């Protein structure tokens, strides 16, 4: 008995498609067919070469773990940097103020001077018009 492919299983005869939609659908179906055939050939190879497949799987898992750790660290450091750049912590209130943009060094110096003069951070940021 012959196996059905994705192209034979999908029935698009009911729909009326224009030429552009037809090309998109045809491309999608061809891509699905290529992926399906690649997966099937991979399964067949793994069944025929079990020892090599086990060795290869161990290496792939090790590489995948290293990549996932690296990406996770990068994402976390990026979030931390955004938190540092786009939020300003007010110790007196215990509150983070969301900023419209990253503050320049000159603005940070001005904030420090005004805080030493006794102004509240919320008032300083509001007068500088940097609060979001």
Protein backbone atom coordinates (compact mmCIF):
# COMPACT_ATOMS: atom_id res chain seq x y z
CA UNK A 1 0.00 0.00 0.00
CA UNK A 2 1.30 3.42 -0.93
CA UNK A 3 1.76 6.09 1.77
CA UNK A 4 -0.20 9.27 1.38
CA UNK A 5 1.81 12.45 1.23
CA UNK A 6 0.85 15.86 2.55
CA UNK A 7 -0.01 16.94 -0.97
CA UNK A 8 -2.50 14.11 -1.40
CA UNK A 9 -4.05 14.49 2.06
CA UNK A 10 -4.79 18.20 1.85
CA UNK A 11 -7.93 19.00 -0.07
CA UNK A 12 -8.14 22.52 -1.39
CA UNK A 13 -10.60 21.84 -4.17
CA UNK A 14 -13.47 23.34 -2.17
CA UNK A 15 -11.86 26.77 -1.96
CA UNK A 16 -11.70 29.32 -4.71
CA UNK A 17 -8.18 30.72 -4.74
CA UNK A 18 -6.75 33.46 -6.87
CA UNK A 19 -3.35 32.99 -8.50
CA UNK A 20 -1.33 34.65 -5.72
CA UNK A 21 -3.06 32.61 -3.01
CA UNK A 22 -2.54 29.48 -5.08
CA UNK A 23 1.20 30.14 -5.34
CA UNK A 24 1.46 30.71 -1.58
CA UNK A 25 -0.48 27.54 -0.83
CA UNK A 26 1.60 25.56 -3.30
CA UNK A 27 4.81 26.85 -1.72
CA UNK A 28 3.54 25.95 1.75
CA UNK A 29 2.57 22.47 0.63
CA UNK A 30 5.92 21.91 -1.06
CA UNK A 31 7.76 23.04 2.07
CA UNK A 32 5.65 20.71 4.22
CA UNK A 33 6.42 17.85 1.83
CA UNK A 34 10.18 18.54 1.98
CA UNK A 35 10.14 18.69 5.77
CA UNK A 36 8.08 15.51 5.98
CA UNK A 37 10.44 13.63 3.66
CA UNK A 38 13.51 14.89 5.58
CA UNK A 39 12.01 13.73 8.88
CA UNK A 40 11.15 10.34 7.41
CA UNK A 41 14.65 9.85 5.99
CA UNK A 42 16.11 10.87 9.37
CA UNK A 43 13.93 8.31 11.14
CA UNK A 44 14.97 5.60 8.70
CA UNK A 45 18.67 6.48 9.15
CA UNK A 46 18.31 6.39 12.95
CA UNK A 47 16.68 2.96 12.83
CA UNK A 48 19.41 1.59 10.55
CA UNK A 49 22.34 3.21 12.45
CA UNK A 50 21.38 3.05 16.12
CA UNK A 51 24.90 3.35 17.58
CA UNK A 52 25.79 6.40 15.52
CA UNK A 53 22.42 7.95 16.31
CA UNK A 54 22.98 7.56 20.06
CA UNK A 55 26.46 9.11 19.84
CA UNK A 56 25.19 11.94 17.68
CA UNK A 57 22.21 12.58 19.98
CA UNK A 58 24.50 12.94 23.01
CA UNK A 59 26.63 15.53 21.20
CA UNK A 60 23.61 17.43 19.95
CA UNK A 61 22.11 17.53 23.46
CA UNK A 62 25.37 18.89 24.89
CA UNK A 63 25.57 21.61 22.24
CA UNK A 64 21.91 22.49 22.67
CA UNK A 65 22.37 22.83 26.43
CA UNK A 66 25.33 25.17 25.97
CA UNK A 67 23.43 27.29 23.44
CA UNK A 68 20.35 27.51 25.67
CA UNK A 69 22.46 28.59 28.66
CA UNK A 70 24.25 31.25 26.61
CA UNK A 71 21.04 32.62 25.16
CA UNK A 72 19.39 32.62 28.58
CA UNK A 73 22.26 34.57 30.12
CA UNK A 74 22.19 37.06 27.28
CA UNK A 75 18.43 37.59 27.59
CA UNK A 76 18.68 38.07 31.35
CA UNK A 77 21.54 40.54 31.05
CA UNK A 78 19.63 42.46 28.37
CA UNK A 79 16.56 42.66 30.63
CA UNK A 80 18.73 43.82 33.52
CA UNK A 81 20.33 46.50 31.33
CA UNK A 82 16.91 47.73 30.17
CA UNK A 83 15.74 47.84 33.78
CA UNK A 84 18.80 49.86 34.74
CA UNK A 85 18.53 52.25 31.79
CA UNK A 86 14.77 52.77 31.57
CA UNK A 87 13.84 52.82 35.26
CA UNK A 88 15.03 55.02 38.10
CA UNK A 89 14.72 53.75 41.68
CA UNK A 90 13.49 56.17 44.34
CA UNK A 91 14.85 55.02 47.72
CA UNK A 92 12.61 57.31 49.73
CA UNK A 93 9.45 55.78 48.25
CA UNK A 94 10.80 52.34 47.38
CA UNK A 95 9.40 52.84 43.89
CA UNK A 96 10.74 52.52 40.33
CA UNK A 97 9.99 55.40 37.97
CA UNK A 98 9.70 54.47 34.30
CA UNK A 99 11.65 56.80 32.03
CA UNK A 100 10.91 57.76 28.43
CA UNK A 101 14.52 57.33 27.44
CA UNK A 102 17.93 56.62 28.88
CA UNK A 103 19.27 59.57 30.87
CA UNK A 104 22.54 61.26 29.90
CA UNK A 105 25.43 61.70 32.32
CA UNK A 106 24.67 65.43 32.55
CA UNK A 107 21.08 64.66 33.58
CA UNK A 108 22.25 62.18 36.25
CA UNK A 109 24.59 64.85 37.67
CA UNK A 110 21.72 67.33 37.74
CA UNK A 111 19.50 64.79 39.51
CA UNK A 112 22.19 64.12 42.13
CA UNK A 113 22.67 67.85 42.78
CA UNK A 114 18.95 68.50 43.11
CA UNK A 115 18.50 65.49 45.42
CA UNK A 116 21.25 66.86 47.66
CA UNK A 117 19.33 70.15 47.77
CA UNK A 118 16.35 68.25 49.20
CA UNK A 119 14.06 67.83 46.18
CA UNK A 120 12.13 64.61 45.70
CA UNK A 121 13.18 62.37 42.81
CA UNK A 122 9.63 62.27 41.46
CA UNK A 123 9.51 66.06 41.27
CA UNK A 124 12.93 66.23 39.63
CA UNK A 125 12.03 63.68 36.95
CA UNK A 126 8.66 65.35 36.32
CA UNK A 127 10.27 68.78 35.88
CA UNK A 128 12.85 67.30 33.49
CA UNK A 129 9.94 65.73 31.53
CA UNK A 130 11.54 62.30 31.33
CA UNK A 131 8.79 60.30 33.04
CA UNK A 132 6.74 58.04 30.85
